N, C-alpha and C. Protein backbone atom coordinates (compact mmCIF):
# COMPACT_ATOMS: atom_id res chain seq x y z
N UNK A 1 -40.41 116.53 -42.99
CA UNK A 1 -41.18 115.62 -42.23
C UNK A 1 -41.42 114.32 -42.99
N UNK A 2 -41.90 114.36 -44.19
CA UNK A 2 -42.08 113.14 -44.99
C UNK A 2 -40.91 113.02 -45.94
N UNK A 3 -40.17 111.94 -45.78
CA UNK A 3 -39.05 111.72 -46.70
C UNK A 3 -39.21 110.35 -47.34
N UNK A 4 -38.59 110.21 -48.46
CA UNK A 4 -38.71 108.97 -49.20
C UNK A 4 -37.54 108.02 -48.97
N UNK A 5 -36.73 108.23 -48.00
CA UNK A 5 -35.59 107.36 -47.78
C UNK A 5 -36.05 106.02 -47.20
N UNK A 6 -35.30 105.01 -47.48
CA UNK A 6 -35.63 103.66 -47.07
C UNK A 6 -35.43 103.49 -45.57
N UNK A 7 -34.49 104.18 -45.01
CA UNK A 7 -34.19 104.02 -43.59
C UNK A 7 -35.30 104.53 -42.69
N UNK A 8 -36.14 105.36 -43.19
CA UNK A 8 -37.19 105.93 -42.35
C UNK A 8 -38.56 105.36 -42.71
N UNK A 9 -38.69 104.02 -42.72
CA UNK A 9 -39.99 103.42 -43.01
C UNK A 9 -40.87 103.57 -41.78
N UNK A 10 -42.14 103.77 -41.96
CA UNK A 10 -43.02 103.97 -40.81
C UNK A 10 -43.23 102.66 -40.04
N UNK A 11 -43.21 102.74 -38.73
CA UNK A 11 -43.46 101.60 -37.85
C UNK A 11 -44.76 101.84 -37.11
N UNK A 12 -45.59 100.80 -37.05
CA UNK A 12 -46.87 100.94 -36.38
C UNK A 12 -46.78 100.65 -34.88
N UNK A 13 -45.71 99.98 -34.45
CA UNK A 13 -45.52 99.71 -33.03
C UNK A 13 -44.13 100.13 -32.64
N UNK A 14 -43.93 100.30 -31.36
CA UNK A 14 -42.63 100.71 -30.85
C UNK A 14 -41.65 99.55 -30.94
N UNK A 15 -40.36 99.84 -31.04
CA UNK A 15 -39.37 98.76 -31.10
C UNK A 15 -39.36 97.88 -29.85
N UNK A 16 -39.57 98.46 -28.68
CA UNK A 16 -39.56 97.65 -27.45
C UNK A 16 -40.77 96.69 -27.43
N UNK A 17 -41.92 97.14 -27.89
CA UNK A 17 -43.10 96.28 -27.95
C UNK A 17 -42.89 95.17 -28.98
N UNK A 18 -42.25 95.52 -30.08
CA UNK A 18 -41.95 94.54 -31.11
C UNK A 18 -41.01 93.46 -30.57
N UNK A 19 -39.98 93.87 -29.85
CA UNK A 19 -39.04 92.91 -29.26
C UNK A 19 -39.74 92.04 -28.21
N UNK A 20 -40.60 92.64 -27.41
CA UNK A 20 -41.34 91.89 -26.39
C UNK A 20 -42.21 90.82 -27.05
N UNK A 21 -42.96 91.18 -28.09
CA UNK A 21 -43.82 90.22 -28.78
C UNK A 21 -42.99 89.11 -29.45
N UNK A 22 -41.87 89.49 -30.05
CA UNK A 22 -41.01 88.50 -30.71
C UNK A 22 -40.48 87.49 -29.68
N UNK A 23 -40.00 87.99 -28.54
CA UNK A 23 -39.48 87.12 -27.49
C UNK A 23 -40.59 86.23 -26.94
N UNK A 24 -41.75 86.81 -26.72
CA UNK A 24 -42.89 86.06 -26.19
C UNK A 24 -43.31 84.96 -27.16
N UNK A 25 -43.35 85.24 -28.45
CA UNK A 25 -43.71 84.23 -29.45
C UNK A 25 -42.66 83.12 -29.53
N UNK A 26 -41.38 83.49 -29.36
CA UNK A 26 -40.33 82.47 -29.35
C UNK A 26 -40.50 81.52 -28.16
N UNK A 27 -40.81 82.08 -27.01
CA UNK A 27 -41.02 81.26 -25.82
C UNK A 27 -42.23 80.34 -26.00
N UNK A 28 -43.30 80.88 -26.58
CA UNK A 28 -44.49 80.05 -26.83
C UNK A 28 -44.15 78.90 -27.77
N UNK A 29 -43.37 79.19 -28.80
CA UNK A 29 -42.97 78.15 -29.75
C UNK A 29 -42.13 77.08 -29.06
N UNK A 30 -41.17 77.50 -28.22
CA UNK A 30 -40.33 76.53 -27.51
C UNK A 30 -41.17 75.66 -26.58
N UNK A 31 -42.12 76.29 -25.88
CA UNK A 31 -42.99 75.53 -24.98
C UNK A 31 -43.84 74.52 -25.76
N UNK A 32 -44.39 74.95 -26.88
CA UNK A 32 -45.24 74.08 -27.69
C UNK A 32 -44.43 72.90 -28.23
N UNK A 33 -43.23 73.16 -28.73
CA UNK A 33 -42.38 72.08 -29.24
C UNK A 33 -42.01 71.12 -28.11
N UNK A 34 -41.72 71.66 -26.93
CA UNK A 34 -41.41 70.80 -25.78
C UNK A 34 -42.57 69.90 -25.41
N UNK A 35 -43.78 70.46 -25.41
CA UNK A 35 -44.97 69.66 -25.10
C UNK A 35 -45.16 68.59 -26.17
N UNK A 36 -44.97 68.94 -27.44
CA UNK A 36 -45.10 67.96 -28.51
C UNK A 36 -44.11 66.81 -28.33
N UNK A 37 -42.87 67.12 -27.93
CA UNK A 37 -41.88 66.07 -27.72
C UNK A 37 -42.28 65.16 -26.56
N UNK A 38 -42.77 65.74 -25.47
CA UNK A 38 -43.21 64.92 -24.35
C UNK A 38 -44.37 64.02 -24.76
N UNK A 39 -45.35 64.58 -25.45
CA UNK A 39 -46.51 63.79 -25.87
C UNK A 39 -46.07 62.68 -26.83
N UNK A 40 -45.20 63.00 -27.76
CA UNK A 40 -44.71 62.00 -28.70
C UNK A 40 -43.95 60.89 -27.98
N UNK A 41 -43.05 61.25 -27.08
CA UNK A 41 -42.27 60.24 -26.36
C UNK A 41 -43.16 59.36 -25.48
N UNK A 42 -44.10 59.97 -24.80
CA UNK A 42 -45.01 59.19 -23.95
C UNK A 42 -45.88 58.29 -24.82
N UNK A 43 -46.35 58.79 -25.95
CA UNK A 43 -47.16 57.97 -26.85
C UNK A 43 -46.40 56.78 -27.39
N UNK A 44 -45.17 56.99 -27.81
CA UNK A 44 -44.35 55.88 -28.32
C UNK A 44 -44.07 54.88 -27.20
N UNK A 45 -43.81 55.36 -26.00
CA UNK A 45 -43.56 54.47 -24.87
C UNK A 45 -44.80 53.63 -24.56
N UNK A 46 -45.97 54.25 -24.55
CA UNK A 46 -47.21 53.52 -24.27
C UNK A 46 -47.46 52.47 -25.35
N UNK A 47 -47.24 52.82 -26.60
CA UNK A 47 -47.44 51.85 -27.68
C UNK A 47 -46.46 50.69 -27.54
N UNK A 48 -45.21 50.98 -27.22
CA UNK A 48 -44.20 49.93 -27.05
C UNK A 48 -44.56 49.01 -25.90
N UNK A 49 -44.94 49.57 -24.76
CA UNK A 49 -45.31 48.75 -23.60
C UNK A 49 -46.56 47.94 -23.91
N UNK A 50 -47.52 48.54 -24.60
CA UNK A 50 -48.73 47.80 -24.97
C UNK A 50 -48.43 46.64 -25.90
N UNK A 51 -47.56 46.86 -26.88
CA UNK A 51 -47.19 45.79 -27.81
C UNK A 51 -46.46 44.67 -27.07
N UNK A 52 -45.55 45.03 -26.18
CA UNK A 52 -44.81 44.02 -25.42
C UNK A 52 -45.76 43.23 -24.52
N UNK A 53 -46.70 43.90 -23.87
CA UNK A 53 -47.66 43.22 -23.01
C UNK A 53 -48.55 42.28 -23.83
N UNK A 54 -48.98 42.72 -25.00
CA UNK A 54 -49.81 41.88 -25.86
C UNK A 54 -49.05 40.64 -26.31
N UNK A 55 -47.79 40.80 -26.68
CA UNK A 55 -46.98 39.66 -27.13
C UNK A 55 -46.79 38.67 -25.98
N UNK A 56 -46.46 39.17 -24.79
CA UNK A 56 -46.27 38.28 -23.65
C UNK A 56 -47.57 37.57 -23.27
N UNK A 57 -48.68 38.27 -23.33
CA UNK A 57 -49.97 37.66 -23.00
C UNK A 57 -50.33 36.57 -24.01
N UNK A 58 -50.13 36.86 -25.29
CA UNK A 58 -50.48 35.86 -26.31
C UNK A 58 -49.56 34.64 -26.22
N UNK A 59 -48.30 34.85 -25.86
CA UNK A 59 -47.39 33.71 -25.68
C UNK A 59 -47.80 32.86 -24.49
N UNK A 60 -48.26 33.48 -23.44
CA UNK A 60 -48.67 32.72 -22.26
C UNK A 60 -49.97 31.96 -22.52
N UNK A 61 -50.83 32.47 -23.39
CA UNK A 61 -52.08 31.78 -23.70
C UNK A 61 -51.85 30.57 -24.59
N UNK A 62 -50.83 30.60 -25.42
CA UNK A 62 -50.54 29.48 -26.31
C UNK A 62 -49.84 28.34 -25.61
N UNK A 63 -49.37 28.56 -24.42
CA UNK A 63 -48.62 27.54 -23.68
C UNK A 63 -49.56 26.38 -23.36
N UNK A 64 -49.07 25.16 -23.59
CA UNK A 64 -49.86 23.96 -23.35
C UNK A 64 -49.82 23.63 -21.86
N UNK A 65 -50.98 23.29 -21.31
CA UNK A 65 -51.03 22.98 -19.88
C UNK A 65 -50.36 21.63 -19.62
N UNK A 66 -50.11 21.35 -18.35
CA UNK A 66 -49.43 20.11 -17.98
C UNK A 66 -50.29 18.90 -18.32
N UNK A 67 -51.59 19.01 -18.13
CA UNK A 67 -52.50 17.92 -18.47
C UNK A 67 -52.46 17.63 -19.97
N UNK A 68 -52.50 18.66 -20.78
CA UNK A 68 -52.45 18.47 -22.23
C UNK A 68 -51.11 17.90 -22.66
N UNK A 69 -50.03 18.28 -21.99
CA UNK A 69 -48.72 17.71 -22.31
C UNK A 69 -48.71 16.21 -22.03
N UNK A 70 -49.29 15.81 -20.90
CA UNK A 70 -49.36 14.38 -20.57
C UNK A 70 -50.19 13.63 -21.60
N UNK A 71 -51.33 14.21 -21.98
CA UNK A 71 -52.18 13.56 -22.97
C UNK A 71 -51.46 13.39 -24.30
N UNK A 72 -50.74 14.42 -24.72
CA UNK A 72 -49.99 14.33 -25.98
C UNK A 72 -48.89 13.27 -25.88
N UNK A 73 -48.21 13.21 -24.73
CA UNK A 73 -47.15 12.22 -24.55
C UNK A 73 -47.72 10.81 -24.58
N UNK A 74 -48.86 10.58 -23.91
CA UNK A 74 -49.48 9.26 -23.91
C UNK A 74 -49.94 8.87 -25.31
N UNK A 75 -50.50 9.80 -26.04
CA UNK A 75 -50.94 9.54 -27.41
C UNK A 75 -49.74 9.17 -28.29
N UNK A 76 -48.64 9.88 -28.14
CA UNK A 76 -47.43 9.58 -28.91
C UNK A 76 -46.87 8.20 -28.53
N UNK A 77 -46.88 7.88 -27.24
CA UNK A 77 -46.38 6.57 -26.81
C UNK A 77 -47.25 5.44 -27.36
N UNK A 78 -48.56 5.63 -27.33
CA UNK A 78 -49.46 4.61 -27.87
C UNK A 78 -49.24 4.43 -29.37
N UNK A 79 -49.01 5.50 -30.06
CA UNK A 79 -48.75 5.41 -31.50
C UNK A 79 -47.47 4.63 -31.77
N UNK A 80 -46.41 4.93 -31.03
CA UNK A 80 -45.13 4.24 -31.23
C UNK A 80 -45.27 2.76 -30.89
N UNK A 81 -45.95 2.45 -29.78
CA UNK A 81 -46.14 1.04 -29.41
C UNK A 81 -46.97 0.29 -30.43
N UNK A 82 -47.99 0.93 -30.98
CA UNK A 82 -48.80 0.25 -32.00
C UNK A 82 -47.97 -0.03 -33.25
N UNK A 83 -47.10 0.86 -33.63
CA UNK A 83 -46.23 0.62 -34.79
C UNK A 83 -45.25 -0.51 -34.50
N UNK A 84 -44.70 -0.56 -33.29
CA UNK A 84 -43.78 -1.63 -32.93
C UNK A 84 -44.50 -2.98 -32.99
N UNK A 85 -45.72 -3.06 -32.42
CA UNK A 85 -46.50 -4.30 -32.46
C UNK A 85 -46.81 -4.71 -33.90
N UNK A 86 -47.18 -3.74 -34.71
CA UNK A 86 -47.50 -4.04 -36.11
C UNK A 86 -46.30 -4.65 -36.82
N UNK A 87 -45.13 -4.07 -36.67
CA UNK A 87 -43.95 -4.59 -37.36
C UNK A 87 -43.48 -5.93 -36.76
N UNK A 88 -43.68 -6.14 -35.47
CA UNK A 88 -43.35 -7.44 -34.88
C UNK A 88 -44.27 -8.53 -35.43
N UNK A 89 -45.57 -8.23 -35.51
CA UNK A 89 -46.52 -9.19 -36.08
C UNK A 89 -46.20 -9.47 -37.54
N UNK A 90 -45.86 -8.44 -38.27
CA UNK A 90 -45.51 -8.60 -39.68
C UNK A 90 -44.27 -9.48 -39.82
N UNK A 91 -43.30 -9.30 -38.97
CA UNK A 91 -42.07 -10.10 -39.02
C UNK A 91 -42.37 -11.56 -38.66
N UNK A 92 -43.25 -11.80 -37.69
CA UNK A 92 -43.63 -13.17 -37.33
C UNK A 92 -44.33 -13.86 -38.49
N UNK A 93 -45.23 -13.16 -39.15
CA UNK A 93 -45.94 -13.74 -40.28
C UNK A 93 -44.98 -14.06 -41.41
N UNK A 94 -44.03 -13.22 -41.67
CA UNK A 94 -43.05 -13.47 -42.73
C UNK A 94 -42.18 -14.68 -42.38
N UNK A 95 -41.77 -14.76 -41.14
CA UNK A 95 -40.91 -15.88 -40.75
C UNK A 95 -41.67 -17.19 -40.80
N UNK A 96 -42.96 -17.20 -40.48
CA UNK A 96 -43.76 -18.41 -40.54
C UNK A 96 -44.04 -18.81 -41.98
N UNK A 97 -44.25 -17.85 -42.85
CA UNK A 97 -44.59 -18.18 -44.24
C UNK A 97 -43.36 -18.52 -45.06
N UNK A 98 -42.19 -18.16 -44.64
CA UNK A 98 -40.97 -18.44 -45.40
C UNK A 98 -40.56 -19.91 -45.30
N UNK A 99 -40.87 -20.55 -44.26
CA UNK A 99 -40.50 -21.96 -44.12
C UNK A 99 -39.20 -22.13 -43.39
N UNK A 100 -38.63 -23.35 -43.50
CA UNK A 100 -37.38 -23.61 -42.82
C UNK A 100 -36.24 -22.99 -43.60
N UNK A 101 -35.13 -22.84 -42.94
CA UNK A 101 -34.00 -22.20 -43.58
C UNK A 101 -33.30 -23.08 -44.61
N UNK A 102 -33.41 -24.39 -44.49
CA UNK A 102 -32.67 -25.27 -45.40
C UNK A 102 -33.47 -25.57 -46.66
N UNK A 103 -34.72 -25.98 -46.51
CA UNK A 103 -35.50 -26.42 -47.67
C UNK A 103 -36.47 -25.38 -48.18
N UNK A 104 -36.68 -24.35 -47.46
CA UNK A 104 -37.67 -23.31 -47.80
C UNK A 104 -39.08 -23.87 -47.95
N UNK A 105 -39.36 -24.95 -47.23
CA UNK A 105 -40.71 -25.50 -47.22
C UNK A 105 -41.46 -24.89 -46.04
N UNK A 106 -42.74 -24.62 -46.20
CA UNK A 106 -43.50 -24.05 -45.08
C UNK A 106 -43.69 -25.08 -43.97
N UNK A 107 -43.90 -24.59 -42.78
CA UNK A 107 -44.15 -25.47 -41.65
C UNK A 107 -45.56 -26.03 -41.76
N UNK A 108 -45.71 -27.25 -41.37
CA UNK A 108 -47.04 -27.85 -41.32
C UNK A 108 -47.25 -28.37 -39.91
N UNK A 109 -48.43 -28.21 -39.43
CA UNK A 109 -48.74 -28.70 -38.10
C UNK A 109 -49.66 -29.90 -38.24
N UNK A 110 -49.42 -30.91 -37.47
CA UNK A 110 -50.25 -32.11 -37.57
C UNK A 110 -51.18 -32.24 -36.41
């Protein structure tokens, strides 16, 4: 009845119950891994969509309105015109102070 052979180790549960539990645990593991993959994929998708939405929103907020574009254009035009006037006045003053082309004497008004 009691033997010391290795092949006859005592089992506390039946082989069919052992197989049933093993199969059931494998199915639970597969289901859990599947749920983890779905949660991970959905989480990554939500993060990606959120980041894209944030980037698009921030780009649209930085856009200059049409009124501000006009104001900037007018300011730039005024700056360019003021520089042109300054250099024209400077050129007139130089030409008046240089004198005539032949004698280099300044002009005198009587």
